[in-house]
């Protein structure tokens, strides 16, 4: 998933060999790179997304077609993810921290102690 220019020579050679052996992997890699570039650069080119999805739907790979058919159902969310800078990273980090504390305390104490530990943990 790294950018092609950030791959080491060994990684690039290995990926090239795999793509030569499997045309399906080569096209999947190409689609993944285009999607990663769209997400990374936050391009709001709605037409580019539609063109990519049409390309994937015309492709013969069933798994990619299923993905391309499902994305338009959540079009608003996908376009928001591609155009806005808002993320739920901070919230997800706190949820992960709370779940970790909950697992550590499982069966050891009551809810009051768990609540106290969550509120006092950094």
C-alpha atoms as a PDB file:
ATOM      1  CA  UNK A   1       0.000   0.000   0.000  1.00  0.00           C
ATOM      2  CA  UNK A   2       3.014   2.294   0.061  1.00  0.00           C
ATOM      3  CA  UNK A   3       3.559   4.745  -2.734  1.00  0.00           C
ATOM      4  CA  UNK A   4       5.449   3.169  -5.630  1.00  0.00           C
ATOM      5  CA  UNK A   5       8.355   5.583  -5.206  1.00  0.00           C
ATOM      6  CA  UNK A   6       8.755   4.526  -1.550  1.00  0.00           C
ATOM      7  CA  UNK A   7       9.203   0.826  -2.336  1.00  0.00           C
ATOM      8  CA  UNK A   8      12.655  -0.632  -1.993  1.00  0.00           C
ATOM      9  CA  UNK A   9      14.253  -2.188  -5.053  1.00  0.00           C
ATOM     10  CA  UNK A  10      13.606  -5.670  -3.661  1.00  0.00           C
ATOM     11  CA  UNK A  11       9.945  -4.896  -2.964  1.00  0.00           C
ATOM     12  CA  UNK A  12       9.470  -3.333  -6.385  1.00  0.00           C
ATOM     13  CA  UNK A  13      11.079  -6.319  -8.102  1.00  0.00           C
ATOM     14  CA  UNK A  14       8.947  -8.783  -6.108  1.00  0.00           C
ATOM     15  CA  UNK A  15       5.753  -6.847  -6.866  1.00  0.00           C
ATOM     16  CA  UNK A  16       6.625  -6.643 -10.564  1.00  0.00           C
ATOM     17  CA  UNK A  17       7.209 -10.397 -10.707  1.00  0.00           C
ATOM     18  CA  UNK A  18       3.909 -11.109  -8.955  1.00  0.00           C
ATOM     19  CA  UNK A  19       2.044  -8.763 -11.285  1.00  0.00           C
ATOM     20  CA  UNK A  20       3.608 -10.467 -14.315  1.00  0.00           C
ATOM     21  CA  UNK A  21       2.384 -13.843 -13.045  1.00  0.00           C
ATOM     22  CA  UNK A  22      -1.103 -12.602 -12.187  1.00  0.00           C
ATOM     23  CA  UNK A  23      -2.817 -10.057 -14.442  1.00  0.00           C
ATOM     24  CA  UNK A  24      -5.646  -9.838 -11.873  1.00  0.00           C
ATOM     25  CA  UNK A  25      -3.154  -8.719  -9.226  1.00  0.00           C
ATOM     26  CA  UNK A  26      -1.699  -6.168 -11.637  1.00  0.00           C
ATOM     27  CA  UNK A  27      -5.081  -4.543 -12.260  1.00  0.00           C
ATOM     28  CA  UNK A  28      -5.980  -4.680  -8.571  1.00  0.00           C
ATOM     29  CA  UNK A  29      -2.691  -2.977  -7.712  1.00  0.00           C
ATOM     30  CA  UNK A  30      -3.399  -0.287 -10.280  1.00  0.00           C
ATOM     31  CA  UNK A  31      -6.907   0.348  -8.897  1.00  0.00           C
ATOM     32  CA  UNK A  32      -5.586   0.444  -5.329  1.00  0.00           C
ATOM     33  CA  UNK A  33      -2.925   2.994  -6.274  1.00  0.00           C
ATOM     34  CA  UNK A  34      -5.468   5.244  -7.965  1.00  0.00           C
ATOM     35  CA  UNK A  35      -7.821   5.066  -4.987  1.00  0.00           C
ATOM     36  CA  UNK A  36      -4.983   5.712  -2.542  1.00  0.00           C
ATOM     37  CA  UNK A  37      -3.941   8.766  -4.563  1.00  0.00           C
ATOM     38  CA  UNK A  38      -7.504  10.097  -4.520  1.00  0.00           C
ATOM     39  CA  UNK A  39      -7.712   9.674  -0.743  1.00  0.00           C
ATOM     40  CA  UNK A  40      -4.231  11.031  -0.089  1.00  0.00           C
ATOM     41  CA  UNK A  41      -4.637  14.114  -2.285  1.00  0.00           C
ATOM     42  CA  UNK A  42      -8.261  14.729  -1.221  1.00  0.00           C
ATOM     43  CA  UNK A  43      -9.356  15.292  -4.797  1.00  0.00           C
ATOM     44  CA  UNK A  44     -13.018  16.090  -5.141  1.00  0.00           C
ATOM     45  CA  UNK A  45     -13.225  15.035  -8.756  1.00  0.00           C
ATOM     46  CA  UNK A  46     -16.593  13.309  -8.781  1.00  0.00           C
ATOM     47  CA  UNK A  47     -16.139  12.377 -12.418  1.00  0.00           C
ATOM     48  CA  UNK A  48     -12.803  10.680 -11.674  1.00  0.00           C
ATOM     49  CA  UNK A  49     -14.480   8.520  -9.043  1.00  0.00           C
ATOM     50  CA  UNK A  50     -17.290   7.623 -11.428  1.00  0.00           C
ATOM     51  CA  UNK A  51     -14.827   6.734 -14.188  1.00  0.00           C
ATOM     52  CA  UNK A  52     -12.789   4.524 -11.839  1.00  0.00           C
ATOM     53  CA  UNK A  53     -15.917   2.754 -10.610  1.00  0.00           C
ATOM     54  CA  UNK A  54     -17.082   2.188 -14.189  1.00  0.00           C
ATOM     55  CA  UNK A  55     -13.669   0.732 -15.056  1.00  0.00           C
ATOM     56  CA  UNK A  56     -13.836  -1.617 -12.095  1.00  0.00           C
ATOM     57  CA  UNK A  57     -17.399  -2.695 -12.909  1.00  0.00           C
ATOM     58  CA  UNK A  58     -16.313  -3.565 -16.461  1.00  0.00           C
ATOM     59  CA  UNK A  59     -13.365  -5.558 -15.137  1.00  0.00           C
ATOM     60  CA  UNK A  60     -13.758  -9.310 -14.871  1.00  0.00           C
ATOM     61  CA  UNK A  61     -12.870  -9.644 -11.169  1.00  0.00           C
ATOM     62  CA  UNK A  62     -15.948 -10.444  -9.123  1.00  0.00           C
ATOM     63  CA  UNK A  63     -14.629  -9.046  -5.829  1.00  0.00           C
ATOM     64  CA  UNK A  64     -13.771  -5.683  -7.351  1.00  0.00           C
ATOM     65  CA  UNK A  65     -17.126  -5.509  -9.137  1.00  0.00           C
ATOM     66  CA  UNK A  66     -18.887  -6.113  -5.815  1.00  0.00           C
ATOM     67  CA  UNK A  67     -16.920  -3.242  -4.270  1.00  0.00           C
ATOM     68  CA  UNK A  68     -17.689  -0.936  -7.205  1.00  0.00           C
ATOM     69  CA  UNK A  69     -21.394  -1.727  -6.976  1.00  0.00           C
ATOM     70  CA  UNK A  70     -21.464  -1.073  -3.230  1.00  0.00           C
ATOM     71  CA  UNK A  71     -19.660   2.271  -3.206  1.00  0.00           C
ATOM     72  CA  UNK A  72     -22.444   4.248  -4.955  1.00  0.00           C
ATOM     73  CA  UNK A  73     -24.851   3.176  -2.208  1.00  0.00           C
ATOM     74  CA  UNK A  74     -22.761   5.241   0.213  1.00  0.00           C
ATOM     75  CA  UNK A  75     -21.792   7.879  -2.345  1.00  0.00           C
ATOM     76  CA  UNK A  76     -22.253  10.821   0.020  1.00  0.00           C
ATOM     77  CA  UNK A  77     -20.004   9.256   2.661  1.00  0.00           C
ATOM     78  CA  UNK A  78     -17.349   8.316   0.096  1.00  0.00           C
ATOM     79  CA  UNK A  79     -17.303  11.816  -1.409  1.00  0.00           C
ATOM     80  CA  UNK A  80     -17.129  13.344   2.079  1.00  0.00           C
ATOM     81  CA  UNK A  81     -14.148  11.119   2.880  1.00  0.00           C
ATOM     82  CA  UNK A  82     -12.449  12.191  -0.336  1.00  0.00           C
ATOM     83  CA  UNK A  83     -13.102  15.920   0.071  1.00  0.00           C
ATOM     84  CA  UNK A  84     -13.111  16.814   3.777  1.00  0.00           C
ATOM     85  CA  UNK A  85     -10.270  16.819   6.236  1.00  0.00           C
ATOM     86  CA  UNK A  86     -12.422  15.654   9.161  1.00  0.00           C
ATOM     87  CA  UNK A  87     -11.605  12.247  10.624  1.00  0.00           C
ATOM     88  CA  UNK A  88     -12.852  10.160  13.508  1.00  0.00           C
ATOM     89  CA  UNK A  89      -9.311   9.200  14.513  1.00  0.00           C
ATOM     90  CA  UNK A  90      -9.431  10.801  17.962  1.00  0.00           C
ATOM     91  CA  UNK A  91     -12.744   9.159  18.784  1.00  0.00           C
ATOM     92  CA  UNK A  92     -11.549   5.767  17.540  1.00  0.00           C
ATOM     93  CA  UNK A  93      -8.400   6.113  19.642  1.00  0.00           C
ATOM     94  CA  UNK A  94     -10.436   6.746  22.783  1.00  0.00           C
ATOM     95  CA  UNK A  95     -12.760   3.837  22.038  1.00  0.00           C
ATOM     96  CA  UNK A  96      -9.743   1.553  21.635  1.00  0.00           C
ATOM     97  CA  UNK A  97      -8.263   2.801  24.919  1.00  0.00           C
ATOM     98  CA  UNK A  98     -11.542   2.246  26.791  1.00  0.00           C
ATOM     99  CA  UNK A  99     -11.945  -1.257  25.356  1.00  0.00           C
ATOM    100  CA  UNK A 100      -8.399  -2.100  26.416  1.00  0.00           C
ATOM    101  CA  UNK A 101      -9.085  -0.946  29.978  1.00  0.00           C
ATOM    102  CA  UNK A 102     -12.360  -2.871  30.011  1.00  0.00           C
ATOM    103  CA  UNK A 103     -10.604  -6.061  28.923  1.00  0.00           C
ATOM    104  CA  UNK A 104      -7.913  -5.602  31.560  1.00  0.00           C
ATOM    105  CA  UNK A 105     -10.531  -5.202  34.293  1.00  0.00           C
ATOM    106  CA  UNK A 106     -12.858  -7.993  33.161  1.00  0.00           C
ATOM    107  CA  UNK A 107     -14.159  -9.893  36.188  1.00  0.00           C
ATOM    108  CA  UNK A 108     -12.054  -7.951  38.683  1.00  0.00           C
ATOM    109  CA  UNK A 109     -14.251  -5.121  39.854  1.00  0.00           C
ATOM    110  CA  UNK A 110     -17.570  -3.392  39.425  1.00  0.00           C
ATOM    111  CA  UNK A 111     -18.603  -0.657  37.023  1.00  0.00           C
ATOM    112  CA  UNK A 112     -17.718   2.183  39.427  1.00  0.00           C
ATOM    113  CA  UNK A 113     -14.054   1.172  39.505  1.00  0.00           C
ATOM    114  CA  UNK A 114     -13.970   0.750  35.720  1.00  0.00           C
ATOM    115  CA  UNK A 115     -15.508   4.217  35.289  1.00  0.00           C
ATOM    116  CA  UNK A 116     -12.969   5.738  37.657  1.00  0.00           C
ATOM    117  CA  UNK A 117     -10.073   4.066  35.874  1.00  0.00           C
ATOM    118  CA  UNK A 118     -11.315   5.274  32.466  1.00  0.00           C
ATOM    119  CA  UNK A 119     -11.711   8.842  33.690  1.00  0.00           C
ATOM    120  CA  UNK A 120      -8.285   8.940  35.398  1.00  0.00           C
ATOM    121  CA  UNK A 121      -6.244   7.187  32.722  1.00  0.00           C
ATOM    122  CA  UNK A 122      -4.205   9.393  30.383  1.00  0.00           C
END
